[in-house]
Amino acid sequence: MESLQAYARYHFAYEESWARDRGMPQAALDQHARRHQAFADRIQAMAEQDSREEGQGHALHRFLANWLLEHIVKDDQEMVHRLLNPGGAKA
């Protein structure tokens, strides 16, 4: 779990810096960063639970799968599209 938390911190900092450097409006960047923080908070809460608790592995798997679908596939792709195609139509 520690390596997941460390990678998430690294990745989120890089992604937010990348978006800021490319002109993402501050309000949108703040909203995106709040989503990242919610992920980090959830992973921290899961890490603090007893790892032997029945179903914890399944709960983590379900959470990560939902995150991949909702945040990476939707939010991140939309952010990249907007930054690379300002004023352009959504793909």
N, C-alpha and C. Protein backbone atom coordinates (compact mmCIF):
# COMPACT_ATOMS: atom_id res chain seq x y z
N MET A 1 0.84 -1.20 0.00
CA MET A 1 0.00 0.00 0.00
C MET A 1 0.88 1.25 0.00
N GLU A 2 2.02 1.17 0.68
CA GLU A 2 2.90 2.34 0.73
C GLU A 2 3.40 2.73 -0.65
N SER A 3 3.73 1.74 -1.48
CA SER A 3 4.22 2.06 -2.82
C SER A 3 3.11 2.68 -3.68
N LEU A 4 1.88 2.25 -3.49
CA LEU A 4 0.75 2.86 -4.19
C LEU A 4 0.59 4.31 -3.77
N GLN A 5 0.68 4.57 -2.47
CA GLN A 5 0.56 5.94 -1.97
C GLN A 5 1.69 6.82 -2.49
N ALA A 6 2.90 6.31 -2.48
CA ALA A 6 4.05 7.09 -2.96
C ALA A 6 3.91 7.39 -4.45
N TYR A 7 3.52 6.39 -5.22
CA TYR A 7 3.36 6.62 -6.66
C TYR A 7 2.24 7.62 -6.93
N ALA A 8 1.15 7.53 -6.21
CA ALA A 8 0.03 8.46 -6.41
C ALA A 8 0.49 9.89 -6.12
N ARG A 9 1.23 10.11 -5.03
CA ARG A 9 1.74 11.46 -4.73
C ARG A 9 2.61 11.97 -5.86
N TYR A 10 3.54 11.15 -6.32
CA TYR A 10 4.43 11.53 -7.42
C TYR A 10 3.62 11.85 -8.68
N HIS A 11 2.75 10.95 -9.06
CA HIS A 11 1.99 11.11 -10.29
C HIS A 11 1.08 12.34 -10.23
N PHE A 12 0.38 12.53 -9.14
CA PHE A 12 -0.54 13.67 -9.03
C PHE A 12 0.21 14.99 -9.07
N ALA A 13 1.36 15.06 -8.40
CA ALA A 13 2.15 16.29 -8.42
C ALA A 13 2.63 16.59 -9.84
N TYR A 14 3.10 15.56 -10.54
CA TYR A 14 3.56 15.74 -11.91
C TYR A 14 2.40 16.18 -12.81
N GLU A 15 1.28 15.50 -12.71
CA GLU A 15 0.13 15.81 -13.57
C GLU A 15 -0.38 17.23 -13.32
N GLU A 16 -0.47 17.63 -12.07
CA GLU A 16 -0.96 18.97 -11.75
C GLU A 16 0.03 20.03 -12.25
N SER A 17 1.32 19.77 -12.12
CA SER A 17 2.33 20.69 -12.63
C SER A 17 2.25 20.79 -14.15
N TRP A 18 2.09 19.66 -14.81
CA TRP A 18 1.95 19.62 -16.27
C TRP A 18 0.76 20.46 -16.71
N ALA A 19 -0.37 20.29 -16.06
CA ALA A 19 -1.58 21.03 -16.41
C ALA A 19 -1.40 22.52 -16.15
N ARG A 20 -0.80 22.86 -15.03
CA ARG A 20 -0.55 24.28 -14.69
C ARG A 20 0.35 24.92 -15.74
N ASP A 21 1.41 24.22 -16.13
CA ASP A 21 2.36 24.74 -17.11
C ASP A 21 1.74 24.94 -18.49
N ARG A 22 0.68 24.23 -18.75
CA ARG A 22 0.02 24.32 -20.05
C ARG A 22 -1.21 25.23 -20.03
N GLY A 23 -1.39 25.93 -18.92
CA GLY A 23 -2.42 26.96 -18.87
C GLY A 23 -3.79 26.53 -18.38
N MET A 24 -3.86 25.43 -17.68
CA MET A 24 -5.15 25.02 -17.14
C MET A 24 -5.64 26.10 -16.17
N PRO A 25 -6.87 26.56 -16.33
CA PRO A 25 -7.39 27.58 -15.41
C PRO A 25 -7.31 27.11 -13.96
N GLN A 26 -7.01 28.03 -13.06
CA GLN A 26 -6.79 27.67 -11.66
C GLN A 26 -8.00 26.98 -11.04
N ALA A 27 -9.19 27.44 -11.35
CA ALA A 27 -10.39 26.81 -10.77
C ALA A 27 -10.50 25.35 -11.20
N ALA A 28 -10.22 25.07 -12.46
CA ALA A 28 -10.27 23.69 -12.96
C ALA A 28 -9.15 22.86 -12.35
N LEU A 29 -7.98 23.47 -12.22
CA LEU A 29 -6.86 22.77 -11.61
C LEU A 29 -7.15 22.44 -10.15
N ASP A 30 -7.74 23.39 -9.43
CA ASP A 30 -8.11 23.14 -8.03
C ASP A 30 -9.11 22.00 -7.92
N GLN A 31 -10.08 21.98 -8.80
CA GLN A 31 -11.08 20.91 -8.78
C GLN A 31 -10.43 19.55 -9.05
N HIS A 32 -9.54 19.52 -10.02
CA HIS A 32 -8.85 18.28 -10.36
C HIS A 32 -7.97 17.83 -9.18
N ALA A 33 -7.29 18.79 -8.55
CA ALA A 33 -6.44 18.46 -7.40
C ALA A 33 -7.27 17.93 -6.23
N ARG A 34 -8.48 18.44 -6.06
CA ARG A 34 -9.35 17.92 -4.99
C ARG A 34 -9.71 16.47 -5.26
N ARG A 35 -9.91 16.11 -6.51
CA ARG A 35 -10.18 14.70 -6.84
C ARG A 35 -8.97 13.83 -6.51
N HIS A 36 -7.78 14.35 -6.81
CA HIS A 36 -6.57 13.61 -6.46
C HIS A 36 -6.47 13.44 -4.94
N GLN A 37 -6.76 14.50 -4.20
CA GLN A 37 -6.68 14.43 -2.74
C GLN A 37 -7.69 13.44 -2.19
N ALA A 38 -8.87 13.39 -2.78
CA ALA A 38 -9.89 12.43 -2.33
C ALA A 38 -9.39 10.99 -2.52
N PHE A 39 -8.70 10.75 -3.64
CA PHE A 39 -8.11 9.43 -3.88
C PHE A 39 -7.08 9.12 -2.79
N ALA A 40 -6.17 10.07 -2.55
CA ALA A 40 -5.12 9.87 -1.54
C ALA A 40 -5.72 9.63 -0.16
N ASP A 41 -6.75 10.39 0.17
CA ASP A 41 -7.41 10.21 1.47
C ASP A 41 -8.03 8.84 1.59
N ARG A 42 -8.66 8.37 0.53
CA ARG A 42 -9.30 7.06 0.57
C ARG A 42 -8.28 5.94 0.71
N ILE A 43 -7.18 6.04 -0.03
CA ILE A 43 -6.13 5.03 0.06
C ILE A 43 -5.51 5.04 1.47
N GLN A 44 -5.33 6.23 2.03
CA GLN A 44 -4.79 6.33 3.39
C GLN A 44 -5.72 5.65 4.38
N ALA A 45 -7.01 5.90 4.25
CA ALA A 45 -7.98 5.28 5.15
C ALA A 45 -7.95 3.76 5.02
N MET A 46 -7.83 3.28 3.79
CA MET A 46 -7.78 1.84 3.58
C MET A 46 -6.49 1.26 4.18
N ALA A 47 -5.40 1.99 4.07
CA ALA A 47 -4.12 1.52 4.61
C ALA A 47 -4.17 1.43 6.13
N GLU A 48 -4.94 2.30 6.76
CA GLU A 48 -5.04 2.31 8.21
C GLU A 48 -5.93 1.19 8.75
N GLN A 49 -6.71 0.58 7.89
CA GLN A 49 -7.54 -0.54 8.32
C GLN A 49 -6.66 -1.76 8.51
N ASP A 50 -7.12 -2.65 9.29
CA ASP A 50 -6.41 -3.91 9.50
C ASP A 50 -6.35 -4.66 8.17
N SER A 51 -5.15 -4.93 7.68
CA SER A 51 -4.99 -5.58 6.38
C SER A 51 -5.56 -6.99 6.36
N ARG A 52 -5.80 -7.56 7.53
CA ARG A 52 -6.38 -8.90 7.59
C ARG A 52 -7.90 -8.88 7.55
N GLU A 53 -8.46 -7.67 7.57
CA GLU A 53 -9.91 -7.55 7.55
C GLU A 53 -10.47 -8.20 6.29
N GLU A 54 -11.45 -9.03 6.49
CA GLU A 54 -12.04 -9.75 5.37
C GLU A 54 -12.61 -8.78 4.34
N GLY A 55 -12.27 -9.00 3.08
CA GLY A 55 -12.81 -8.20 2.00
C GLY A 55 -12.01 -6.93 1.69
N GLN A 56 -10.94 -6.64 2.45
CA GLN A 56 -10.20 -5.41 2.20
C GLN A 56 -9.54 -5.42 0.82
N GLY A 57 -8.96 -6.53 0.43
CA GLY A 57 -8.35 -6.62 -0.90
C GLY A 57 -9.37 -6.41 -2.00
N HIS A 58 -10.53 -6.99 -1.82
CA HIS A 58 -11.61 -6.82 -2.80
C HIS A 58 -12.07 -5.36 -2.84
N ALA A 59 -12.18 -4.74 -1.68
CA ALA A 59 -12.61 -3.33 -1.63
C ALA A 59 -11.58 -2.43 -2.31
N LEU A 60 -10.29 -2.70 -2.11
CA LEU A 60 -9.25 -1.92 -2.76
C LEU A 60 -9.31 -2.12 -4.27
N HIS A 61 -9.47 -3.35 -4.71
CA HIS A 61 -9.57 -3.64 -6.14
C HIS A 61 -10.75 -2.90 -6.76
N ARG A 62 -11.87 -2.95 -6.12
CA ARG A 62 -13.08 -2.28 -6.62
C ARG A 62 -12.88 -0.76 -6.69
N PHE A 63 -12.28 -0.20 -5.63
CA PHE A 63 -12.02 1.23 -5.61
C PHE A 63 -11.08 1.64 -6.74
N LEU A 64 -9.99 0.91 -6.93
CA LEU A 64 -9.03 1.25 -7.98
C LEU A 64 -9.64 1.09 -9.37
N ALA A 65 -10.43 0.06 -9.57
CA ALA A 65 -11.09 -0.13 -10.87
C ALA A 65 -12.04 1.03 -11.16
N ASN A 66 -12.80 1.44 -10.18
CA ASN A 66 -13.71 2.58 -10.36
C ASN A 66 -12.92 3.86 -10.62
N TRP A 67 -11.82 4.05 -9.91
CA TRP A 67 -10.98 5.24 -10.11
C TRP A 67 -10.46 5.27 -11.55
N LEU A 68 -9.96 4.12 -12.02
CA LEU A 68 -9.45 4.07 -13.38
C LEU A 68 -10.52 4.45 -14.39
N LEU A 69 -11.70 3.94 -14.20
CA LEU A 69 -12.78 4.24 -15.15
C LEU A 69 -13.27 5.67 -15.04
N GLU A 70 -13.46 6.14 -13.84
CA GLU A 70 -14.04 7.47 -13.65
C GLU A 70 -13.03 8.60 -13.81
N HIS A 71 -11.90 8.48 -13.19
CA HIS A 71 -10.96 9.60 -13.18
C HIS A 71 -10.03 9.58 -14.38
N ILE A 72 -9.33 8.49 -14.58
CA ILE A 72 -8.32 8.46 -15.63
C ILE A 72 -8.97 8.47 -17.01
N VAL A 73 -9.91 7.60 -17.22
CA VAL A 73 -10.52 7.50 -18.54
C VAL A 73 -11.39 8.72 -18.86
N LYS A 74 -12.05 9.27 -17.87
CA LYS A 74 -12.96 10.40 -18.10
C LYS A 74 -12.28 11.74 -17.81
N ASP A 75 -11.96 11.99 -16.55
CA ASP A 75 -11.45 13.31 -16.13
C ASP A 75 -10.10 13.65 -16.76
N ASP A 76 -9.14 12.73 -16.68
CA ASP A 76 -7.82 13.02 -17.22
C ASP A 76 -7.84 13.19 -18.73
N GLN A 77 -8.58 12.33 -19.41
CA GLN A 77 -8.64 12.44 -20.86
C GLN A 77 -9.31 13.74 -21.29
N GLU A 78 -10.34 14.15 -20.59
CA GLU A 78 -11.00 15.42 -20.89
C GLU A 78 -10.04 16.59 -20.64
N MET A 79 -9.29 16.54 -19.55
CA MET A 79 -8.33 17.59 -19.24
C MET A 79 -7.28 17.69 -20.35
N VAL A 80 -6.71 16.58 -20.75
CA VAL A 80 -5.68 16.58 -21.79
C VAL A 80 -6.26 17.11 -23.10
N HIS A 81 -7.43 16.66 -23.46
CA HIS A 81 -8.05 17.13 -24.70
C HIS A 81 -8.23 18.64 -24.68
N ARG A 82 -8.74 19.17 -23.58
CA ARG A 82 -8.96 20.62 -23.48
C ARG A 82 -7.65 21.39 -23.53
N LEU A 83 -6.60 20.87 -22.89
CA LEU A 83 -5.33 21.58 -22.89
C LEU A 83 -4.63 21.53 -24.26
N LEU A 84 -4.78 20.42 -24.95
CA LEU A 84 -4.13 20.30 -26.25
C LEU A 84 -4.94 20.89 -27.39
N ASN A 85 -6.23 21.10 -27.17
CA ASN A 85 -7.13 21.63 -28.19
C ASN A 85 -7.98 22.76 -27.62
N PRO A 86 -7.37 23.85 -27.18
CA PRO A 86 -8.16 24.93 -26.59
C PRO A 86 -9.19 25.46 -27.59
N GLY A 87 -10.43 25.53 -27.13
CA GLY A 87 -11.50 26.03 -27.97
C GLY A 87 -12.00 25.02 -28.99
N GLY A 88 -11.38 23.85 -29.02
CA GLY A 88 -11.78 22.84 -29.99
C GLY A 88 -12.95 22.02 -29.52
N ALA A 89 -13.56 21.35 -30.45
CA ALA A 89 -14.70 20.47 -30.11
C ALA A 89 -14.19 19.25 -29.39
N LYS A 90 -15.01 18.74 -28.51
CA LYS A 90 -14.67 17.53 -27.75
C LYS A 90 -14.68 16.33 -28.68
N ALA A 91 -13.66 15.49 -28.58
CA ALA A 91 -13.53 14.31 -29.44
C ALA A 91 -14.56 13.27 -29.09
